[in-house]
Amino acid sequence: MSTISTAVRASRRRRLTEAQAIALDSTPARIRAFLAAVVPLRGSDAAEDERYQRGRSLIERLALSAEGGDTYDPPTLNLTTTECADVLYFVSRSEALDGPTWWDDPKDAASHLCGFMFIMDAVEESLRGKVRS
């Protein structure tokens, strides 16, 4: 990482207010951070694929279903098995925007890794038939 980018990150961290920090730690922000951290696989036609777009839309709906809850509340949307398949299709046809550093948790932004885990938990619970509210 360059010195300039390190300085910019440090500056951003200092400017975060407590309210902004809480907002970055919210479930919807984390799920959306995951969406922002991935792109369609290089060399694939995933971006034009209807299943890929449905999966992305369903992940956004998961984020919406978590709005208004406590900071760490999981999404409340229960997915059908077909919807779970679409979400998994999206995840499997996406690649990390930042390559090998993707698994590093950001210090001054919502955690896309936590967002990924919230998405996978929602899929698992939906497939197991657990009702969330």
C-alpha atoms as a PDB file:
ATOM      1  CA  MET A   1       0.000   0.000   0.000  1.00  0.00           C
ATOM      2  CA  SER A   2       1.333   3.423  -0.877  1.00  0.00           C
ATOM      3  CA  THR A   3       2.178   6.078   1.696  1.00  0.00           C
ATOM      4  CA  ILE A   4      -0.492   8.356   0.242  1.00  0.00           C
ATOM      5  CA  SER A   5      -3.223   5.760   0.565  1.00  0.00           C
ATOM      6  CA  THR A   6      -2.116   4.995   4.134  1.00  0.00           C
ATOM      7  CA  ALA A   7      -2.285   8.702   4.986  1.00  0.00           C
ATOM      8  CA  VAL A   8      -5.742   9.025   3.420  1.00  0.00           C
ATOM      9  CA  ARG A   9      -7.026   6.036   5.408  1.00  0.00           C
ATOM     10  CA  ALA A  10      -5.628   7.469   8.647  1.00  0.00           C
ATOM     11  CA  SER A  11      -7.271  10.806   7.926  1.00  0.00           C
ATOM     12  CA  ARG A  12     -10.635   9.163   7.244  1.00  0.00           C
ATOM     13  CA  ARG A  13     -10.458   7.187  10.492  1.00  0.00           C
ATOM     14  CA  ARG A  14      -9.928  10.381  12.486  1.00  0.00           C
ATOM     15  CA  ARG A  15     -12.914  12.060  10.833  1.00  0.00           C
ATOM     16  CA  LEU A  16     -15.403   9.310  11.626  1.00  0.00           C
ATOM     17  CA  THR A  17     -17.925  10.432  14.194  1.00  0.00           C
ATOM     18  CA  GLU A  18     -19.432   7.980  16.621  1.00  0.00           C
ATOM     19  CA  ALA A  19     -22.703   7.957  14.625  1.00  0.00           C
ATOM     20  CA  GLN A  20     -20.801   7.244  11.404  1.00  0.00           C
ATOM     21  CA  ALA A  21     -18.858   4.458  13.074  1.00  0.00           C
ATOM     22  CA  ILE A  22     -22.103   2.862  14.275  1.00  0.00           C
ATOM     23  CA  ALA A  23     -23.600   3.202  10.778  1.00  0.00           C
ATOM     24  CA  LEU A  24     -20.551   1.448   9.305  1.00  0.00           C
ATOM     25  CA  ASP A  25     -21.033  -1.387  11.758  1.00  0.00           C
ATOM     26  CA  SER A  26     -24.677  -1.902  10.827  1.00  0.00           C
ATOM     27  CA  THR A  27     -25.801  -5.069   9.101  1.00  0.00           C
ATOM     28  CA  PRO A  28     -27.183  -3.279   6.011  1.00  0.00           C
ATOM     29  CA  ALA A  29     -23.900  -1.362   5.529  1.00  0.00           C
ATOM     30  CA  ARG A  30     -21.897  -4.551   5.838  1.00  0.00           C
ATOM     31  CA  ILE A  31     -24.037  -6.411   3.310  1.00  0.00           C
ATOM     32  CA  ARG A  32     -23.805  -3.510   0.860  1.00  0.00           C
ATOM     33  CA  ALA A  33     -20.048  -3.359   1.451  1.00  0.00           C
ATOM     34  CA  PHE A  34     -19.882  -6.969   0.259  1.00  0.00           C
ATOM     35  CA  LEU A  35     -21.752  -6.040  -2.923  1.00  0.00           C
ATOM     36  CA  ALA A  36     -19.342  -3.151  -3.492  1.00  0.00           C
ATOM     37  CA  ALA A  37     -16.320  -5.416  -2.931  1.00  0.00           C
ATOM     38  CA  VAL A  38     -17.087  -7.928  -5.691  1.00  0.00           C
ATOM     39  CA  VAL A  39     -17.345  -7.837  -9.482  1.00  0.00           C
ATOM     40  CA  PRO A  40     -18.450 -10.424 -12.052  1.00  0.00           C
ATOM     41  CA  LEU A  41     -15.814 -13.047 -12.823  1.00  0.00           C
ATOM     42  CA  ARG A  42     -13.426 -11.922 -15.523  1.00  0.00           C
ATOM     43  CA  GLY A  43     -14.100 -13.586 -18.840  1.00  0.00           C
ATOM     44  CA  SER A  44     -17.618 -14.641 -17.891  1.00  0.00           C
ATOM     45  CA  ASP A  45     -20.975 -13.345 -19.038  1.00  0.00           C
ATOM     46  CA  ALA A  46     -22.253 -13.284 -15.451  1.00  0.00           C
ATOM     47  CA  ALA A  47     -23.052  -9.557 -15.516  1.00  0.00           C
ATOM     48  CA  GLU A  48     -25.669 -10.130 -18.232  1.00  0.00           C
ATOM     49  CA  ASP A  49     -27.012 -13.329 -16.669  1.00  0.00           C
ATOM     50  CA  GLU A  50     -30.513 -13.051 -15.219  1.00  0.00           C
ATOM     51  CA  ARG A  51     -29.677 -15.385 -12.299  1.00  0.00           C
ATOM     52  CA  TYR A  52     -26.662 -13.236 -11.420  1.00  0.00           C
ATOM     53  CA  GLN A  53     -28.809 -10.092 -11.367  1.00  0.00           C
ATOM     54  CA  ARG A  54     -31.522 -11.812  -9.301  1.00  0.00           C
ATOM     55  CA  GLY A  55     -28.889 -12.947  -6.791  1.00  0.00           C
ATOM     56  CA  ARG A  56     -27.527  -9.408  -6.479  1.00  0.00           C
ATOM     57  CA  SER A  57     -31.057  -8.018  -6.045  1.00  0.00           C
ATOM     58  CA  LEU A  58     -31.841 -10.585  -3.367  1.00  0.00           C
ATOM     59  CA  ILE A  59     -28.695  -9.627  -1.455  1.00  0.00           C
ATOM     60  CA  GLU A  60     -29.837  -5.994  -1.580  1.00  0.00           C
ATOM     61  CA  ARG A  61     -33.240  -7.146  -0.265  1.00  0.00           C
ATOM     62  CA  LEU A  62     -31.433  -8.909   2.594  1.00  0.00           C
ATOM     63  CA  ALA A  63     -29.773  -5.580   3.426  1.00  0.00           C
ATOM     64  CA  LEU A  64     -33.109  -3.771   3.290  1.00  0.00           C
ATOM     65  CA  SER A  65     -34.690  -6.345   5.595  1.00  0.00           C
ATOM     66  CA  ALA A  66     -32.064  -5.589   8.248  1.00  0.00           C
ATOM     67  CA  GLU A  67     -32.678  -1.829   8.251  1.00  0.00           C
ATOM     68  CA  GLY A  68     -34.290  -0.401  11.335  1.00  0.00           C
ATOM     69  CA  GLY A  69     -33.078  -3.172  13.598  1.00  0.00           C
ATOM     70  CA  ASP A  70     -30.298  -3.053  16.138  1.00  0.00           C
ATOM     71  CA  THR A  71     -26.771  -2.633  14.816  1.00  0.00           C
ATOM     72  CA  TYR A  72     -25.982  -6.353  14.718  1.00  0.00           C
ATOM     73  CA  ASP A  73     -29.420  -7.765  13.891  1.00  0.00           C
ATOM     74  CA  PRO A  74     -29.355 -10.243  11.009  1.00  0.00           C
ATOM     75  CA  PRO A  75     -31.565  -9.799   7.931  1.00  0.00           C
ATOM     76  CA  THR A  76     -35.178 -10.842   8.469  1.00  0.00           C
ATOM     77  CA  LEU A  77     -35.949 -11.842   4.881  1.00  0.00           C
ATOM     78  CA  ASN A  78     -36.616 -15.570   4.515  1.00  0.00           C
ATOM     79  CA  LEU A  79     -35.487 -16.845   1.132  1.00  0.00           C
ATOM     80  CA  THR A  80     -37.046 -19.663  -0.878  1.00  0.00           C
ATOM     81  CA  THR A  81     -34.781 -22.460  -2.072  1.00  0.00           C
ATOM     82  CA  THR A  82     -34.778 -20.938  -5.568  1.00  0.00           C
ATOM     83  CA  GLU A  83     -33.799 -17.559  -4.117  1.00  0.00           C
ATOM     84  CA  CYS A  84     -31.005 -19.222  -2.108  1.00  0.00           C
ATOM     85  CA  ALA A  85     -29.767 -20.754  -5.351  1.00  0.00           C
ATOM     86  CA  ASP A  86     -29.761 -17.324  -7.013  1.00  0.00           C
ATOM     87  CA  VAL A  87     -27.770 -15.811  -4.133  1.00  0.00           C
ATOM     88  CA  LEU A  88     -25.261 -18.660  -4.293  1.00  0.00           C
ATOM     89  CA  TYR A  89     -25.048 -18.265  -8.069  1.00  0.00           C
ATOM     90  CA  PHE A  90     -24.196 -14.581  -7.607  1.00  0.00           C
ATOM     91  CA  VAL A  91     -21.514 -15.355  -5.014  1.00  0.00           C
ATOM     92  CA  SER A  92     -19.996 -18.154  -7.106  1.00  0.00           C
ATOM     93  CA  ARG A  93     -19.829 -15.977 -10.234  1.00  0.00           C
ATOM     94  CA  SER A  94     -18.223 -13.008  -8.454  1.00  0.00           C
ATOM     95  CA  GLU A  95     -14.610 -12.251  -7.709  1.00  0.00           C
ATOM     96  CA  ALA A  96     -12.921  -9.936  -5.254  1.00  0.00           C
ATOM     97  CA  LEU A  97     -12.396  -6.399  -6.421  1.00  0.00           C
ATOM     98  CA  ASP A  98      -9.162  -6.093  -4.430  1.00  0.00           C
ATOM     99  CA  GLY A  99      -7.724  -9.511  -5.209  1.00  0.00           C
ATOM    100  CA  PRO A 100      -5.557 -11.089  -2.512  1.00  0.00           C
ATOM    101  CA  THR A 101      -6.182  -8.317   0.043  1.00  0.00           C
ATOM    102  CA  TRP A 102      -9.942  -8.893  -0.092  1.00  0.00           C
ATOM    103  CA  TRP A 103      -9.824 -11.018   3.054  1.00  0.00           C
ATOM    104  CA  ASP A 104      -8.264  -8.152   5.041  1.00  0.00           C
ATOM    105  CA  ASP A 105     -10.947  -6.453   7.105  1.00  0.00           C
ATOM    106  CA  PRO A 106     -11.054  -2.689   6.418  1.00  0.00           C
ATOM    107  CA  LYS A 107     -10.302  -0.360   9.310  1.00  0.00           C
ATOM    108  CA  ASP A 108     -12.284   2.680   8.142  1.00  0.00           C
ATOM    109  CA  ALA A 109     -15.208   1.199   6.247  1.00  0.00           C
ATOM    110  CA  ALA A 110     -18.043  -1.248   6.701  1.00  0.00           C
ATOM    111  CA  SER A 111     -16.797  -4.823   6.808  1.00  0.00           C
ATOM    112  CA  HIS A 112     -17.572  -6.652   3.576  1.00  0.00           C
ATOM    113  CA  LEU A 113     -16.390  -9.843   5.302  1.00  0.00           C
ATOM    114  CA  CYS A 114     -19.107  -9.511   7.942  1.00  0.00           C
ATOM    115  CA  GLY A 115     -21.552  -8.758   5.136  1.00  0.00           C
ATOM    116  CA  PHE A 116     -20.524 -11.983   3.411  1.00  0.00           C
ATOM    117  CA  MET A 117     -21.113 -13.918   6.635  1.00  0.00           C
ATOM    118  CA  PHE A 118     -24.557 -12.320   7.141  1.00  0.00           C
ATOM    119  CA  ILE A 119     -25.475 -13.346   3.581  1.00  0.00           C
ATOM    120  CA  MET A 120     -24.270 -16.935   4.042  1.00  0.00           C
ATOM    121  CA  ASP A 121     -26.056 -17.194   7.406  1.00  0.00           C
ATOM    122  CA  ALA A 122     -29.306 -15.976   5.822  1.00  0.00           C
ATOM    123  CA  VAL A 123     -29.001 -18.599   3.066  1.00  0.00           C
ATOM    124  CA  GLU A 124     -28.246 -21.355   5.574  1.00  0.00           C
ATOM    125  CA  GLU A 125     -31.119 -20.426   7.883  1.00  0.00           C
ATOM    126  CA  SER A 126     -33.540 -20.162   4.961  1.00  0.00           C
ATOM    127  CA  LEU A 127     -32.532 -23.604   3.695  1.00  0.00           C
ATOM    128  CA  ARG A 128     -32.889 -25.080   7.173  1.00  0.00           C
ATOM    129  CA  GLY A 129     -36.359 -23.569   7.472  1.00  0.00           C
ATOM    130  CA  LYS A 130     -35.539 -21.292  10.390  1.00  0.00           C
ATOM    131  CA  VAL A 131     -37.961 -18.377  10.492  1.00  0.00           C
ATOM    132  CA  ARG A 132     -36.374 -15.018  11.247  1.00  0.00           C
ATOM    133  CA  SER A 133     -38.316 -12.022  12.433  1.00  0.00           C
END
